[in-house]
Amino acid sequence: MSTWKQFTKEVRAILDSETKDKIYDEKIKKLKKIINNIKTSPEHLGQLEKILESKNKSSKILDHGCGNCFTVLFLILKGYKNVWGATVNFSNDIKTIKYVRNINKIISIILGSSKNKRVIIYDGLNLPFSKDYFDIIFTKQVLEHIPPDSKSKFLEEEKRVLN
């Protein structure tokens, strides 16, 4: 099994379990160990990690359309402390809301702070971040899901929040 698949399997196991924070800590330590064993970027990240290597670990990064949030967790576990994810939930699906809540719980344990949620659900039109907030924005496998008449708005929003 690839290290990335092992990582995603462990994340799913954490998300599927109802555990106390102490057990979360142990499981997160296991995730960190897996991440430390990943020598090359997972293929789906393409050149992203090479771009990030040229940046400061405190750079503000947005995964716009973060889906399962695995990349957000991966980057945070790699030491990037200002990583955010934005996803949509047009149908107000309770599973998605619970999933995002659980991801935010894991992230708050990793970062040692529950001050702000790092993965947000938004309306798909207006990113809830101020102008010039992010240093890096990336989008993977999202544009094909956006209706043609909404793509320019999607990109305009990225431009607005990109420094």
N, C-alpha and C. Protein backbone atom coordinates (compact mmCIF):
# COMPACT_ATOMS: atom_id res chain seq x y z
N MET A 1 0.85 -1.18 0.00
CA MET A 1 0.00 0.00 0.00
C MET A 1 0.90 1.24 0.00
N SER A 2 0.55 2.21 -0.85
CA SER A 2 1.34 3.44 -0.89
C SER A 2 1.19 4.19 0.43
N THR A 3 2.17 5.03 0.71
CA THR A 3 2.14 5.80 1.94
C THR A 3 0.94 6.76 1.94
N TRP A 4 0.61 7.33 0.77
CA TRP A 4 -0.54 8.23 0.70
C TRP A 4 -1.82 7.47 1.02
N LYS A 5 -1.97 6.27 0.47
CA LYS A 5 -3.16 5.47 0.75
C LYS A 5 -3.23 5.11 2.23
N GLN A 6 -2.08 4.83 2.81
CA GLN A 6 -2.04 4.54 4.25
C GLN A 6 -2.49 5.77 5.04
N PHE A 7 -2.01 6.94 4.63
CA PHE A 7 -2.40 8.19 5.28
C PHE A 7 -3.91 8.40 5.20
N THR A 8 -4.48 8.28 4.00
CA THR A 8 -5.92 8.51 3.84
C THR A 8 -6.74 7.47 4.60
N LYS A 9 -6.24 6.26 4.65
CA LYS A 9 -6.93 5.20 5.42
C LYS A 9 -6.97 5.57 6.90
N GLU A 10 -5.86 6.06 7.42
CA GLU A 10 -5.80 6.44 8.84
C GLU A 10 -6.69 7.65 9.13
N VAL A 11 -6.73 8.61 8.21
CA VAL A 11 -7.61 9.78 8.39
C VAL A 11 -9.06 9.31 8.44
N ARG A 12 -9.44 8.44 7.50
CA ARG A 12 -10.81 7.92 7.51
C ARG A 12 -11.12 7.19 8.81
N ALA A 13 -10.16 6.43 9.33
CA ALA A 13 -10.36 5.71 10.58
C ALA A 13 -10.61 6.67 11.74
N ILE A 14 -9.86 7.77 11.76
CA ILE A 14 -10.06 8.78 12.80
C ILE A 14 -11.45 9.39 12.67
N LEU A 15 -11.82 9.74 11.44
CA LEU A 15 -13.11 10.38 11.22
C LEU A 15 -14.29 9.45 11.53
N ASP A 16 -14.09 8.17 11.32
CA ASP A 16 -15.16 7.20 11.57
C ASP A 16 -15.31 6.82 13.03
N SER A 17 -14.31 7.18 13.84
CA SER A 17 -14.37 6.78 15.24
C SER A 17 -14.86 7.92 16.12
N GLU A 18 -15.55 7.57 17.15
CA GLU A 18 -15.97 8.54 18.17
C GLU A 18 -15.02 8.33 19.34
N THR A 19 -13.99 9.15 19.41
CA THR A 19 -12.97 8.93 20.42
C THR A 19 -12.74 10.17 21.26
N LYS A 20 -12.06 9.96 22.37
CA LYS A 20 -11.70 11.05 23.26
C LYS A 20 -10.41 11.71 22.74
N ASP A 21 -10.17 12.94 23.17
CA ASP A 21 -9.02 13.69 22.68
C ASP A 21 -7.70 12.97 22.87
N LYS A 22 -7.52 12.23 23.97
CA LYS A 22 -6.26 11.52 24.21
C LYS A 22 -6.02 10.49 23.11
N ILE A 23 -7.08 9.79 22.71
CA ILE A 23 -6.93 8.81 21.64
C ILE A 23 -6.68 9.52 20.31
N TYR A 24 -7.33 10.67 20.10
CA TYR A 24 -7.05 11.48 18.91
C TYR A 24 -5.56 11.82 18.86
N ASP A 25 -5.00 12.23 19.98
CA ASP A 25 -3.58 12.57 20.03
C ASP A 25 -2.72 11.40 19.56
N GLU A 26 -3.03 10.20 20.01
CA GLU A 26 -2.27 9.02 19.60
C GLU A 26 -2.42 8.77 18.10
N LYS A 27 -3.62 8.90 17.60
CA LYS A 27 -3.86 8.67 16.17
C LYS A 27 -3.19 9.75 15.32
N ILE A 28 -3.17 10.97 15.81
CA ILE A 28 -2.51 12.05 15.08
C ILE A 28 -1.00 11.83 15.06
N LYS A 29 -0.44 11.32 16.14
CA LYS A 29 0.99 10.98 16.15
C LYS A 29 1.28 9.95 15.06
N LYS A 30 0.38 8.99 14.90
CA LYS A 30 0.55 7.99 13.85
C LYS A 30 0.50 8.64 12.47
N LEU A 31 -0.43 9.59 12.29
CA LEU A 31 -0.50 10.31 11.02
C LEU A 31 0.80 11.06 10.73
N LYS A 32 1.34 11.71 11.76
CA LYS A 32 2.60 12.46 11.58
C LYS A 32 3.73 11.53 11.16
N LYS A 33 3.75 10.35 11.74
CA LYS A 33 4.79 9.37 11.39
C LYS A 33 4.65 8.95 9.93
N ILE A 34 3.41 8.72 9.50
CA ILE A 34 3.17 8.36 8.10
C ILE A 34 3.63 9.49 7.19
N ILE A 35 3.25 10.72 7.53
CA ILE A 35 3.63 11.89 6.72
C ILE A 35 5.15 12.01 6.62
N ASN A 36 5.84 11.79 7.72
CA ASN A 36 7.30 11.87 7.71
C ASN A 36 7.93 10.81 6.82
N ASN A 37 7.21 9.73 6.56
CA ASN A 37 7.72 8.68 5.68
C ASN A 37 7.43 8.93 4.21
N ILE A 38 6.64 9.96 3.91
CA ILE A 38 6.37 10.30 2.51
C ILE A 38 7.55 11.11 2.00
N LYS A 39 8.32 10.50 1.13
CA LYS A 39 9.56 11.14 0.63
C LYS A 39 9.31 12.04 -0.57
N THR A 40 8.33 11.69 -1.38
CA THR A 40 8.00 12.53 -2.53
C THR A 40 6.53 12.91 -2.43
N SER A 41 6.19 14.02 -3.03
CA SER A 41 4.80 14.48 -2.98
C SER A 41 3.87 13.45 -3.60
N PRO A 42 2.70 13.28 -3.01
CA PRO A 42 1.70 12.43 -3.66
C PRO A 42 1.44 12.96 -5.07
N GLU A 43 1.24 12.06 -6.01
CA GLU A 43 1.12 12.41 -7.41
C GLU A 43 0.05 13.47 -7.67
N HIS A 44 -1.07 13.39 -6.95
CA HIS A 44 -2.16 14.33 -7.22
C HIS A 44 -1.81 15.77 -6.84
N LEU A 45 -0.75 15.96 -6.07
CA LEU A 45 -0.36 17.33 -5.73
C LEU A 45 0.46 17.99 -6.82
N GLY A 46 0.91 17.20 -7.77
CA GLY A 46 1.68 17.77 -8.88
C GLY A 46 2.87 18.57 -8.37
N GLN A 47 2.97 19.80 -8.82
CA GLN A 47 4.09 20.66 -8.47
C GLN A 47 3.83 21.51 -7.22
N LEU A 48 2.68 21.31 -6.57
CA LEU A 48 2.31 22.16 -5.44
C LEU A 48 3.38 22.18 -4.36
N GLU A 49 3.86 21.02 -3.96
CA GLU A 49 4.83 21.01 -2.86
C GLU A 49 6.14 21.68 -3.27
N LYS A 50 6.52 21.58 -4.53
CA LYS A 50 7.73 22.28 -4.99
C LYS A 50 7.54 23.80 -4.90
N ILE A 51 6.35 24.26 -5.23
CA ILE A 51 6.04 25.69 -5.11
C ILE A 51 6.08 26.09 -3.64
N LEU A 52 5.50 25.27 -2.78
CA LEU A 52 5.46 25.58 -1.35
C LEU A 52 6.85 25.60 -0.73
N GLU A 53 7.75 24.77 -1.23
CA GLU A 53 9.11 24.75 -0.68
C GLU A 53 9.81 26.09 -0.82
N SER A 54 9.40 26.88 -1.84
CA SER A 54 10.02 28.19 -2.03
C SER A 54 9.36 29.25 -1.16
N LYS A 55 8.34 28.87 -0.44
CA LYS A 55 7.61 29.81 0.42
C LYS A 55 7.93 29.55 1.89
N ASN A 56 7.54 30.49 2.71
CA ASN A 56 7.68 30.38 4.15
C ASN A 56 6.59 29.44 4.68
N LYS A 57 6.91 28.67 5.72
CA LYS A 57 5.93 27.75 6.32
C LYS A 57 4.74 28.51 6.91
N SER A 58 4.86 29.82 7.06
CA SER A 58 3.75 30.60 7.60
C SER A 58 2.89 31.22 6.48
N SER A 59 3.20 30.91 5.22
CA SER A 59 2.39 31.41 4.11
C SER A 59 0.94 30.96 4.29
N LYS A 60 0.02 31.85 3.91
CA LYS A 60 -1.40 31.52 3.99
C LYS A 60 -1.81 30.82 2.70
N ILE A 61 -2.34 29.60 2.86
CA ILE A 61 -2.65 28.73 1.73
C ILE A 61 -4.13 28.36 1.76
N LEU A 62 -4.78 28.42 0.59
CA LEU A 62 -6.18 28.01 0.48
C LEU A 62 -6.31 26.87 -0.50
N ASP A 63 -6.92 25.77 -0.06
CA ASP A 63 -7.35 24.69 -0.94
C ASP A 63 -8.80 24.99 -1.27
N HIS A 64 -9.02 25.60 -2.42
CA HIS A 64 -10.35 26.05 -2.82
C HIS A 64 -11.08 24.89 -3.49
N GLY A 65 -12.03 24.33 -2.77
CA GLY A 65 -12.73 23.13 -3.22
C GLY A 65 -12.05 21.91 -2.62
N CYS A 66 -11.83 21.95 -1.31
CA CYS A 66 -10.97 20.98 -0.62
C CYS A 66 -11.54 19.57 -0.52
N GLY A 67 -12.81 19.37 -0.84
CA GLY A 67 -13.38 18.02 -0.87
C GLY A 67 -13.20 17.27 0.45
N ASN A 68 -12.43 16.19 0.42
CA ASN A 68 -12.24 15.37 1.63
C ASN A 68 -11.23 15.96 2.61
N CYS A 69 -10.59 17.04 2.26
CA CYS A 69 -9.67 17.78 3.13
C CYS A 69 -8.35 17.06 3.42
N PHE A 70 -8.08 15.98 2.74
CA PHE A 70 -6.84 15.24 3.00
C PHE A 70 -5.61 16.09 2.71
N THR A 71 -5.66 16.90 1.65
CA THR A 71 -4.51 17.74 1.32
C THR A 71 -4.31 18.82 2.37
N VAL A 72 -5.40 19.37 2.89
CA VAL A 72 -5.30 20.36 3.97
C VAL A 72 -4.59 19.72 5.17
N LEU A 73 -5.03 18.54 5.58
CA LEU A 73 -4.39 17.85 6.70
C LEU A 73 -2.93 17.52 6.41
N PHE A 74 -2.67 17.05 5.19
CA PHE A 74 -1.31 16.71 4.78
C PHE A 74 -0.39 17.91 4.95
N LEU A 75 -0.81 19.07 4.43
CA LEU A 75 0.04 20.26 4.50
C LEU A 75 0.23 20.74 5.93
N ILE A 76 -0.82 20.68 6.74
CA ILE A 76 -0.69 21.07 8.14
C ILE A 76 0.28 20.14 8.86
N LEU A 77 0.18 18.85 8.61
CA LEU A 77 1.10 17.89 9.24
C LEU A 77 2.52 18.04 8.72
N LYS A 78 2.68 18.59 7.50
CA LYS A 78 4.01 18.88 6.95
C LYS A 78 4.61 20.16 7.54
N GLY A 79 3.83 20.87 8.37
CA GLY A 79 4.37 22.05 9.04
C GLY A 79 3.83 23.38 8.57
N TYR A 80 2.95 23.38 7.58
CA TYR A 80 2.33 24.63 7.13
C TYR A 80 1.18 24.94 8.08
N LYS A 81 1.31 26.03 8.82
CA LYS A 81 0.36 26.32 9.89
C LYS A 81 -0.84 27.15 9.47
N ASN A 82 -0.78 27.78 8.30
CA ASN A 82 -1.86 28.65 7.86
C ASN A 82 -2.53 28.11 6.60
N VAL A 83 -3.03 26.89 6.72
CA VAL A 83 -3.70 26.24 5.61
C VAL A 83 -5.20 26.25 5.88
N TRP A 84 -5.96 26.60 4.84
CA TRP A 84 -7.41 26.67 4.92
C TRP A 84 -8.01 25.84 3.81
N GLY A 85 -9.21 25.38 4.03
CA GLY A 85 -9.97 24.68 3.01
C GLY A 85 -11.34 25.31 2.88
N ALA A 86 -11.83 25.42 1.66
CA ALA A 86 -13.18 25.95 1.43
C ALA A 86 -13.92 24.96 0.54
N THR A 87 -15.11 24.61 0.97
CA THR A 87 -15.93 23.68 0.20
C THR A 87 -17.37 24.17 0.22
N VAL A 88 -18.18 23.63 -0.66
CA VAL A 88 -19.59 24.00 -0.71
C VAL A 88 -20.45 22.82 -0.26
N ASN A 89 -21.63 23.14 0.19
CA ASN A 89 -22.60 22.13 0.60
C ASN A 89 -23.98 22.67 0.21
N PHE A 90 -24.25 22.67 -1.09
CA PHE A 90 -25.47 23.28 -1.60
C PHE A 90 -26.74 22.64 -1.04
N SER A 91 -26.67 21.35 -0.73
CA SER A 91 -27.88 20.66 -0.28
C SER A 91 -28.02 20.64 1.25
N ASN A 92 -27.12 21.35 1.95
CA ASN A 92 -27.13 21.34 3.41
C ASN A 92 -27.10 19.93 3.97
N ASP A 93 -26.32 19.07 3.32
CA ASP A 93 -26.20 17.68 3.73
C ASP A 93 -25.57 17.60 5.12
N ILE A 94 -26.25 16.96 6.05
CA ILE A 94 -25.78 16.87 7.43
C ILE A 94 -24.48 16.08 7.53
N LYS A 95 -24.27 15.11 6.62
CA LYS A 95 -23.02 14.34 6.63
C LYS A 95 -21.83 15.24 6.33
N THR A 96 -22.00 16.14 5.37
CA THR A 96 -20.93 17.07 5.03
C THR A 96 -20.64 18.00 6.20
N ILE A 97 -21.68 18.50 6.83
CA ILE A 97 -21.50 19.39 7.98
C ILE A 97 -20.76 18.68 9.11
N LYS A 98 -21.15 17.45 9.40
CA LYS A 98 -20.49 16.66 10.45
C LYS A 98 -19.04 16.36 10.06
N TYR A 99 -18.82 16.02 8.80
CA TYR A 99 -17.46 15.72 8.31
C TYR A 99 -16.55 16.93 8.51
N VAL A 100 -17.01 18.10 8.09
CA VAL A 100 -16.20 19.32 8.23
C VAL A 100 -15.96 19.63 9.70
N ARG A 101 -16.96 19.44 10.55
CA ARG A 101 -16.79 19.65 11.99
C ARG A 101 -15.69 18.72 12.54
N ASN A 102 -15.71 17.45 12.13
CA ASN A 102 -14.71 16.50 12.60
C ASN A 102 -13.31 16.81 12.07
N ILE A 103 -13.23 17.23 10.81
CA ILE A 103 -11.93 17.63 10.25
C ILE A 103 -11.38 18.81 11.05
N ASN A 104 -12.23 19.79 11.35
CA ASN A 104 -11.79 20.95 12.12
C ASN A 104 -11.34 20.55 13.52
N LYS A 105 -11.97 19.54 14.10
CA LYS A 105 -11.54 19.07 15.42
C LYS A 105 -10.13 18.48 15.34
N ILE A 106 -9.88 17.67 14.33
CA ILE A 106 -8.55 17.08 14.16
C ILE A 106 -7.51 18.19 13.96
N ILE A 107 -7.84 19.16 13.10
CA ILE A 107 -6.91 20.26 12.83
C ILE A 107 -6.64 21.06 14.09
N SER A 108 -7.67 21.32 14.89
CA SER A 108 -7.48 22.10 16.12
C SER A 108 -6.57 21.35 17.10
N ILE A 109 -6.65 20.02 17.12
CA ILE A 109 -5.75 19.23 17.98
C ILE A 109 -4.32 19.32 17.45
N ILE A 110 -4.16 19.19 16.14
CA ILE A 110 -2.82 19.27 15.53
C ILE A 110 -2.19 20.62 15.81
N LEU A 111 -2.96 21.70 15.63
CA LEU A 111 -2.43 23.05 15.79
C LEU A 111 -2.44 23.52 17.23
N GLY A 112 -3.10 22.79 18.11
CA GLY A 112 -3.16 23.17 19.51
C GLY A 112 -4.01 24.40 19.77
N SER A 113 -4.98 24.65 18.88
CA SER A 113 -5.83 25.82 19.03
C SER A 113 -7.17 25.57 18.34
N SER A 114 -8.22 25.90 19.03
CA SER A 114 -9.54 25.78 18.41
C SER A 114 -10.11 27.15 18.09
N LYS A 115 -9.21 28.15 18.00
CA LYS A 115 -9.62 29.55 17.78
C LYS A 115 -10.46 29.73 16.52
N ASN A 116 -9.98 29.21 15.43
CA ASN A 116 -10.75 29.39 14.20
C ASN A 116 -10.80 28.10 13.40
N LYS A 117 -11.86 27.94 12.69
CA LYS A 117 -12.05 26.75 11.86
C LYS A 117 -11.24 26.90 10.59
N ARG A 118 -10.51 25.87 10.24
CA ARG A 118 -9.66 25.93 9.06
C ARG A 118 -10.34 25.43 7.80
N VAL A 119 -11.40 24.65 7.96
CA VAL A 119 -12.18 24.23 6.80
C VAL A 119 -13.56 24.84 6.95
N ILE A 120 -13.96 25.55 5.91
CA ILE A 120 -15.24 26.25 5.98
C ILE A 120 -16.14 25.78 4.84
N ILE A 121 -17.42 25.83 5.12
CA ILE A 121 -18.43 25.59 4.08
C ILE A 121 -18.93 26.98 3.68
N TYR A 122 -18.92 27.25 2.38
CA TYR A 122 -19.37 28.57 1.93
C TYR A 122 -20.37 28.42 0.79
N ASP A 123 -20.90 29.52 0.31
CA ASP A 123 -22.00 29.50 -0.65
C ASP A 123 -21.58 29.22 -2.09
N GLY A 124 -20.29 29.02 -2.35
CA GLY A 124 -19.83 28.73 -3.70
C GLY A 124 -19.66 29.98 -4.56
N LEU A 125 -19.99 31.13 -4.01
CA LEU A 125 -19.89 32.38 -4.76
C LEU A 125 -18.92 33.35 -4.15
N ASN A 126 -19.05 33.59 -2.85
CA ASN A 126 -18.26 34.61 -2.17
C ASN A 126 -17.42 33.98 -1.07
N LEU A 127 -16.11 33.92 -1.30
CA LEU A 127 -15.22 33.38 -0.28
C LEU A 127 -15.23 34.30 0.93
N PRO A 128 -15.40 33.75 2.13
CA PRO A 128 -15.49 34.59 3.34
C PRO A 128 -14.14 34.99 3.90
N PHE A 129 -13.30 35.53 3.04
CA PHE A 129 -11.97 35.99 3.44
C PHE A 129 -11.77 37.39 2.89
N SER A 130 -10.92 38.14 3.56
CA SER A 130 -10.69 39.52 3.12
C SER A 130 -9.82 39.56 1.86
N LYS A 131 -9.84 40.69 1.21
CA LYS A 131 -9.03 40.93 0.01
C LYS A 131 -7.55 40.70 0.35
N ASP A 132 -6.83 40.05 -0.57
CA ASP A 132 -5.38 39.82 -0.45
C ASP A 132 -5.01 38.95 0.75
N TYR A 133 -5.89 38.08 1.19
CA TYR A 133 -5.65 37.29 2.40
C TYR A 133 -4.62 36.17 2.20
N PHE A 134 -4.67 35.48 1.04
CA PHE A 134 -3.84 34.30 0.84
C PHE A 134 -2.62 34.57 -0.02
N ASP A 135 -1.55 33.84 0.29
CA ASP A 135 -0.33 33.88 -0.51
C ASP A 135 -0.39 32.88 -1.65
N ILE A 136 -1.09 31.77 -1.42
CA ILE A 136 -1.20 30.69 -2.41
C ILE A 136 -2.64 30.17 -2.39
N ILE A 137 -3.20 29.98 -3.57
CA ILE A 137 -4.50 29.32 -3.70
C ILE A 137 -4.33 28.22 -4.73
N PHE A 138 -4.83 27.03 -4.42
CA PHE A 138 -4.83 25.97 -5.41
C PHE A 138 -6.20 25.31 -5.44
N THR A 139 -6.51 24.76 -6.58
CA THR A 139 -7.78 24.10 -6.82
C THR A 139 -7.48 22.83 -7.59
N LYS A 140 -7.98 21.71 -7.06
CA LYS A 140 -7.77 20.43 -7.74
C LYS A 140 -9.12 19.80 -8.05
N GLN A 141 -9.31 19.42 -9.27
CA GLN A 141 -10.50 18.69 -9.70
C GLN A 141 -11.80 19.39 -9.28
N VAL A 142 -11.83 20.69 -9.47
CA VAL A 142 -13.00 21.47 -9.08
C VAL A 142 -13.63 22.16 -10.29
N LEU A 143 -12.82 22.74 -11.14
CA LEU A 143 -13.35 23.56 -12.23
C LEU A 143 -14.34 22.82 -13.12
N GLU A 144 -14.14 21.51 -13.30
CA GLU A 144 -15.07 20.77 -14.15
C GLU A 144 -16.47 20.63 -13.53
N HIS A 145 -16.60 20.94 -12.24
CA HIS A 145 -17.89 20.85 -11.56
C HIS A 145 -18.62 22.20 -11.50
N ILE A 146 -17.97 23.24 -11.96
CA ILE A 146 -18.56 24.58 -11.91
C ILE A 146 -19.26 24.86 -13.24
N PRO A 147 -20.51 25.30 -13.17
CA PRO A 147 -21.22 25.63 -14.41
C PRO A 147 -20.45 26.69 -15.20
N PRO A 148 -20.45 26.58 -16.52
CA PRO A 148 -19.69 27.53 -17.35
C PRO A 148 -19.95 29.00 -17.04
N ASP A 149 -21.19 29.35 -16.73
CA ASP A 149 -21.50 30.75 -16.47
C ASP A 149 -21.04 31.22 -15.08
N SER A 150 -20.53 30.30 -14.24
CA SER A 150 -20.05 30.66 -12.90
C SER A 150 -18.53 30.62 -12.78
N LYS A 151 -17.86 30.14 -13.81
CA LYS A 151 -16.40 29.99 -13.72
C LYS A 151 -15.67 31.32 -13.55
N SER A 152 -16.12 32.35 -14.24
CA SER A 152 -15.42 33.63 -14.11
C SER A 152 -15.58 34.19 -12.70
N LYS A 153 -16.75 34.03 -12.09
CA LYS A 153 -16.98 34.48 -10.71
C LYS A 153 -16.07 33.71 -9.76
N PHE A 154 -15.93 32.40 -9.96
CA PHE A 154 -15.06 31.55 -9.16
C PHE A 154 -13.63 32.10 -9.21
N LEU A 155 -13.15 32.37 -10.40
CA LEU A 155 -11.78 32.86 -10.58
C LEU A 155 -11.62 34.30 -10.06
N GLU A 156 -12.64 35.12 -10.22
CA GLU A 156 -12.59 36.48 -9.69
C GLU A 156 -12.46 36.46 -8.17
N GLU A 157 -13.17 35.55 -7.52
CA GLU A 157 -13.08 35.43 -6.07
C GLU A 157 -11.68 35.00 -5.64
N GLU A 158 -11.10 34.05 -6.39
CA GLU A 158 -9.72 33.65 -6.08
C GLU A 158 -8.78 34.84 -6.23
N LYS A 159 -8.94 35.58 -7.30
CA LYS A 159 -8.10 36.77 -7.53
C LYS A 159 -8.26 37.78 -6.39
N ARG A 160 -9.50 37.97 -5.93
CA ARG A 160 -9.78 38.94 -4.87
C ARG A 160 -9.04 38.58 -3.58
N VAL A 161 -9.05 37.31 -3.20
CA VAL A 161 -8.46 36.93 -1.90
C VAL A 161 -6.98 36.57 -2.01
N LEU A 162 -6.44 36.54 -3.24
CA LEU A 162 -5.02 36.22 -3.43
C LEU A 162 -4.17 37.48 -3.31
N ASN A 163 -3.13 37.41 -2.52
CA ASN A 163 -2.22 38.54 -2.31
C ASN A 163 -1.31 38.67 -3.51
